[in-house]
């Protein structure tokens, strides 16, 4: 099914069906975001060095209070 076909199908949904599909899509987005975060901060992830730096700063007390 194409995006155009999906959009047309959504137009024909009832209010409750639209709410249900909206909740489903939001859940799918959240799941993908969670997987991306897990990947980025995994041992070989692209943001692991940032996480390691933050953890080291926290461990050594190299922090300050936010204003």
N, C-alpha and C. Protein backbone atom coordinates (compact mmCIF):
# COMPACT_ATOMS: atom_id res chain seq x y z
N UNK A 1 0.85 -1.17 0.00
CA UNK A 1 0.00 0.00 0.00
C UNK A 1 0.89 1.24 0.00
N UNK A 2 0.57 2.20 -0.83
CA UNK A 2 1.37 3.42 -0.93
C UNK A 2 0.96 4.42 0.16
N UNK A 3 1.79 5.42 0.32
CA UNK A 3 1.48 6.49 1.28
C UNK A 3 0.19 7.19 0.88
N UNK A 4 0.02 7.43 -0.39
CA UNK A 4 -1.22 8.07 -0.88
C UNK A 4 -2.43 7.23 -0.52
N UNK A 5 -2.33 5.93 -0.70
CA UNK A 5 -3.45 5.04 -0.35
C UNK A 5 -3.70 5.05 1.16
N UNK A 6 -2.64 5.08 1.93
CA UNK A 6 -2.79 5.14 3.38
C UNK A 6 -3.48 6.43 3.81
N UNK A 7 -3.05 7.54 3.21
CA UNK A 7 -3.67 8.82 3.54
C UNK A 7 -5.16 8.81 3.21
N UNK A 8 -5.50 8.27 2.07
CA UNK A 8 -6.91 8.18 1.68
C UNK A 8 -7.69 7.31 2.65
N UNK A 9 -7.10 6.21 3.08
CA UNK A 9 -7.76 5.33 4.03
C UNK A 9 -7.98 6.04 5.37
N UNK A 10 -7.01 6.83 5.80
CA UNK A 10 -7.13 7.56 7.06
C UNK A 10 -8.27 8.56 6.99
N UNK A 11 -8.42 9.20 5.86
CA UNK A 11 -9.50 10.17 5.70
C UNK A 11 -10.87 9.54 5.98
N UNK A 12 -11.02 8.27 5.62
CA UNK A 12 -12.29 7.59 5.79
C UNK A 12 -12.53 6.98 7.16
N UNK A 13 -11.59 7.14 8.09
CA UNK A 13 -11.73 6.54 9.41
C UNK A 13 -12.74 7.30 10.27
N UNK A 14 -13.37 6.55 11.15
CA UNK A 14 -14.23 7.19 12.15
C UNK A 14 -13.33 7.85 13.20
N UNK A 15 -13.93 8.64 14.05
CA UNK A 15 -13.17 9.32 15.11
C UNK A 15 -12.46 8.31 16.01
N UNK A 16 -13.14 7.26 16.39
CA UNK A 16 -12.52 6.26 17.26
C UNK A 16 -11.44 5.47 16.53
N UNK A 17 -11.65 5.18 15.26
CA UNK A 17 -10.62 4.48 14.48
C UNK A 17 -9.38 5.37 14.31
N UNK A 18 -9.60 6.66 14.09
CA UNK A 18 -8.48 7.59 13.95
C UNK A 18 -7.69 7.68 15.25
N UNK A 19 -8.39 7.71 16.38
CA UNK A 19 -7.72 7.73 17.68
C UNK A 19 -6.90 6.45 17.87
N UNK A 20 -7.45 5.33 17.47
CA UNK A 20 -6.75 4.05 17.62
C UNK A 20 -5.49 4.01 16.76
N UNK A 21 -5.60 4.44 15.51
CA UNK A 21 -4.43 4.40 14.62
C UNK A 21 -3.40 5.44 15.06
N UNK A 22 -3.87 6.57 15.59
CA UNK A 22 -2.94 7.59 16.09
C UNK A 22 -2.14 7.05 17.27
N UNK A 23 -2.80 6.35 18.18
CA UNK A 23 -2.11 5.76 19.32
C UNK A 23 -1.11 4.70 18.85
N UNK A 24 -1.50 3.92 17.86
CA UNK A 24 -0.62 2.89 17.32
C UNK A 24 0.63 3.52 16.70
N UNK A 25 0.44 4.57 15.92
CA UNK A 25 1.57 5.24 15.28
C UNK A 25 2.48 5.87 16.33
N UNK A 26 1.91 6.50 17.34
CA UNK A 26 2.72 7.08 18.41
C UNK A 26 3.55 6.02 19.11
N UNK A 27 2.96 4.86 19.34
CA UNK A 27 3.69 3.76 19.98
C UNK A 27 4.83 3.28 19.09
N UNK A 28 4.59 3.18 17.80
CA UNK A 28 5.64 2.75 16.87
C UNK A 28 6.78 3.75 16.84
N UNK A 29 6.45 5.05 16.84
CA UNK A 29 7.49 6.08 16.87
C UNK A 29 8.31 5.99 18.14
N UNK A 30 7.65 5.80 19.27
CA UNK A 30 8.35 5.69 20.55
C UNK A 30 9.27 4.47 20.56
N UNK A 31 8.80 3.35 20.03
CA UNK A 31 9.62 2.14 19.98
C UNK A 31 10.86 2.36 19.11
N UNK A 32 10.69 3.00 17.98
CA UNK A 32 11.84 3.27 17.10
C UNK A 32 12.82 4.22 17.77
N UNK A 33 12.30 5.23 18.46
CA UNK A 33 13.16 6.18 19.17
C UNK A 33 13.96 5.45 20.25
N UNK A 34 13.28 4.59 21.02
CA UNK A 34 13.97 3.83 22.06
C UNK A 34 15.08 2.97 21.47
N UNK A 35 14.80 2.31 20.35
CA UNK A 35 15.82 1.48 19.71
C UNK A 35 17.00 2.32 19.23
N UNK A 36 16.71 3.52 18.71
CA UNK A 36 17.78 4.39 18.24
C UNK A 36 18.65 4.86 19.40
N UNK A 37 18.01 5.20 20.51
CA UNK A 37 18.76 5.61 21.71
C UNK A 37 19.65 4.46 22.18
N UNK A 38 19.09 3.27 22.25
CA UNK A 38 19.87 2.09 22.66
C UNK A 38 21.05 1.88 21.74
N UNK A 39 20.86 2.02 20.44
CA UNK A 39 21.93 1.85 19.47
C UNK A 39 22.99 2.93 19.63
N UNK A 40 22.56 4.18 19.76
CA UNK A 40 23.50 5.30 19.86
C UNK A 40 24.38 5.22 21.09
N UNK A 41 23.83 4.71 22.21
CA UNK A 41 24.60 4.67 23.46
C UNK A 41 25.15 3.28 23.77
N UNK A 42 25.03 2.35 22.85
CA UNK A 42 25.60 1.02 23.04
C UNK A 42 27.13 1.12 23.05
N UNK A 43 27.83 0.07 23.46
CA UNK A 43 29.29 0.14 23.55
C UNK A 43 29.99 0.66 22.29
N UNK A 44 29.47 0.38 21.12
CA UNK A 44 30.09 0.87 19.89
C UNK A 44 29.25 1.95 19.21
N UNK A 45 28.31 2.51 19.93
CA UNK A 45 27.40 3.50 19.36
C UNK A 45 28.06 4.85 19.13
N UNK A 46 27.42 5.65 18.28
CA UNK A 46 28.00 6.93 17.89
C UNK A 46 28.03 7.95 19.01
N UNK A 47 27.22 7.77 20.04
CA UNK A 47 27.20 8.71 21.17
C UNK A 47 27.79 8.12 22.45
N UNK A 48 28.38 6.96 22.36
CA UNK A 48 28.93 6.31 23.55
C UNK A 48 30.01 7.15 24.22
N UNK A 49 30.84 7.80 23.43
CA UNK A 49 31.91 8.60 24.02
C UNK A 49 31.33 9.75 24.85
N UNK A 50 30.22 10.31 24.42
CA UNK A 50 29.57 11.38 25.18
C UNK A 50 29.05 10.83 26.50
N UNK A 51 28.40 9.66 26.45
CA UNK A 51 27.90 9.03 27.67
C UNK A 51 29.04 8.73 28.62
N UNK A 52 30.13 8.18 28.11
CA UNK A 52 31.27 7.87 28.96
C UNK A 52 31.83 9.12 29.63
N UNK A 53 31.89 10.22 28.89
CA UNK A 53 32.39 11.47 29.44
C UNK A 53 31.47 11.99 30.56
N UNK A 54 30.18 11.93 30.34
CA UNK A 54 29.22 12.38 31.34
C UNK A 54 29.31 11.51 32.59
N UNK A 55 29.38 10.20 32.41
CA UNK A 55 29.48 9.30 33.55
C UNK A 55 30.77 9.53 34.33
N UNK A 56 31.86 9.78 33.64
CA UNK A 56 33.13 10.06 34.30
C UNK A 56 33.05 11.37 35.08
N UNK A 57 32.45 12.39 34.48
CA UNK A 57 32.29 13.66 35.20
C UNK A 57 31.45 13.47 36.45
N UNK A 58 30.39 12.70 36.36
CA UNK A 58 29.53 12.45 37.52
C UNK A 58 30.30 11.67 38.59
N UNK A 59 31.08 10.68 38.16
CA UNK A 59 31.83 9.85 39.09
C UNK A 59 32.87 10.67 39.85
N UNK A 60 33.51 11.61 39.15
CA UNK A 60 34.60 12.39 39.77
C UNK A 60 34.10 13.68 40.42
N UNK A 61 32.80 13.93 40.34
CA UNK A 61 32.24 15.14 40.95
C UNK A 61 32.47 16.39 40.13
N UNK A 62 32.84 16.22 38.89
CA UNK A 62 33.09 17.36 37.98
C UNK A 62 31.75 17.84 37.40
N UNK A 63 30.90 18.31 38.30
CA UNK A 63 29.55 18.77 37.91
C UNK A 63 29.25 20.07 38.62
N UNK A 64 28.18 20.71 38.20
CA UNK A 64 27.71 21.91 38.90
C UNK A 64 26.20 21.95 38.83
N UNK A 65 25.62 22.65 39.78
CA UNK A 65 24.17 22.78 39.82
C UNK A 65 23.69 23.66 38.68
N UNK A 66 22.52 23.35 38.17
CA UNK A 66 21.91 24.20 37.16
C UNK A 66 21.33 25.43 37.82
N UNK A 67 21.35 26.56 37.14
CA UNK A 67 20.81 27.78 37.75
C UNK A 67 19.31 27.69 37.97
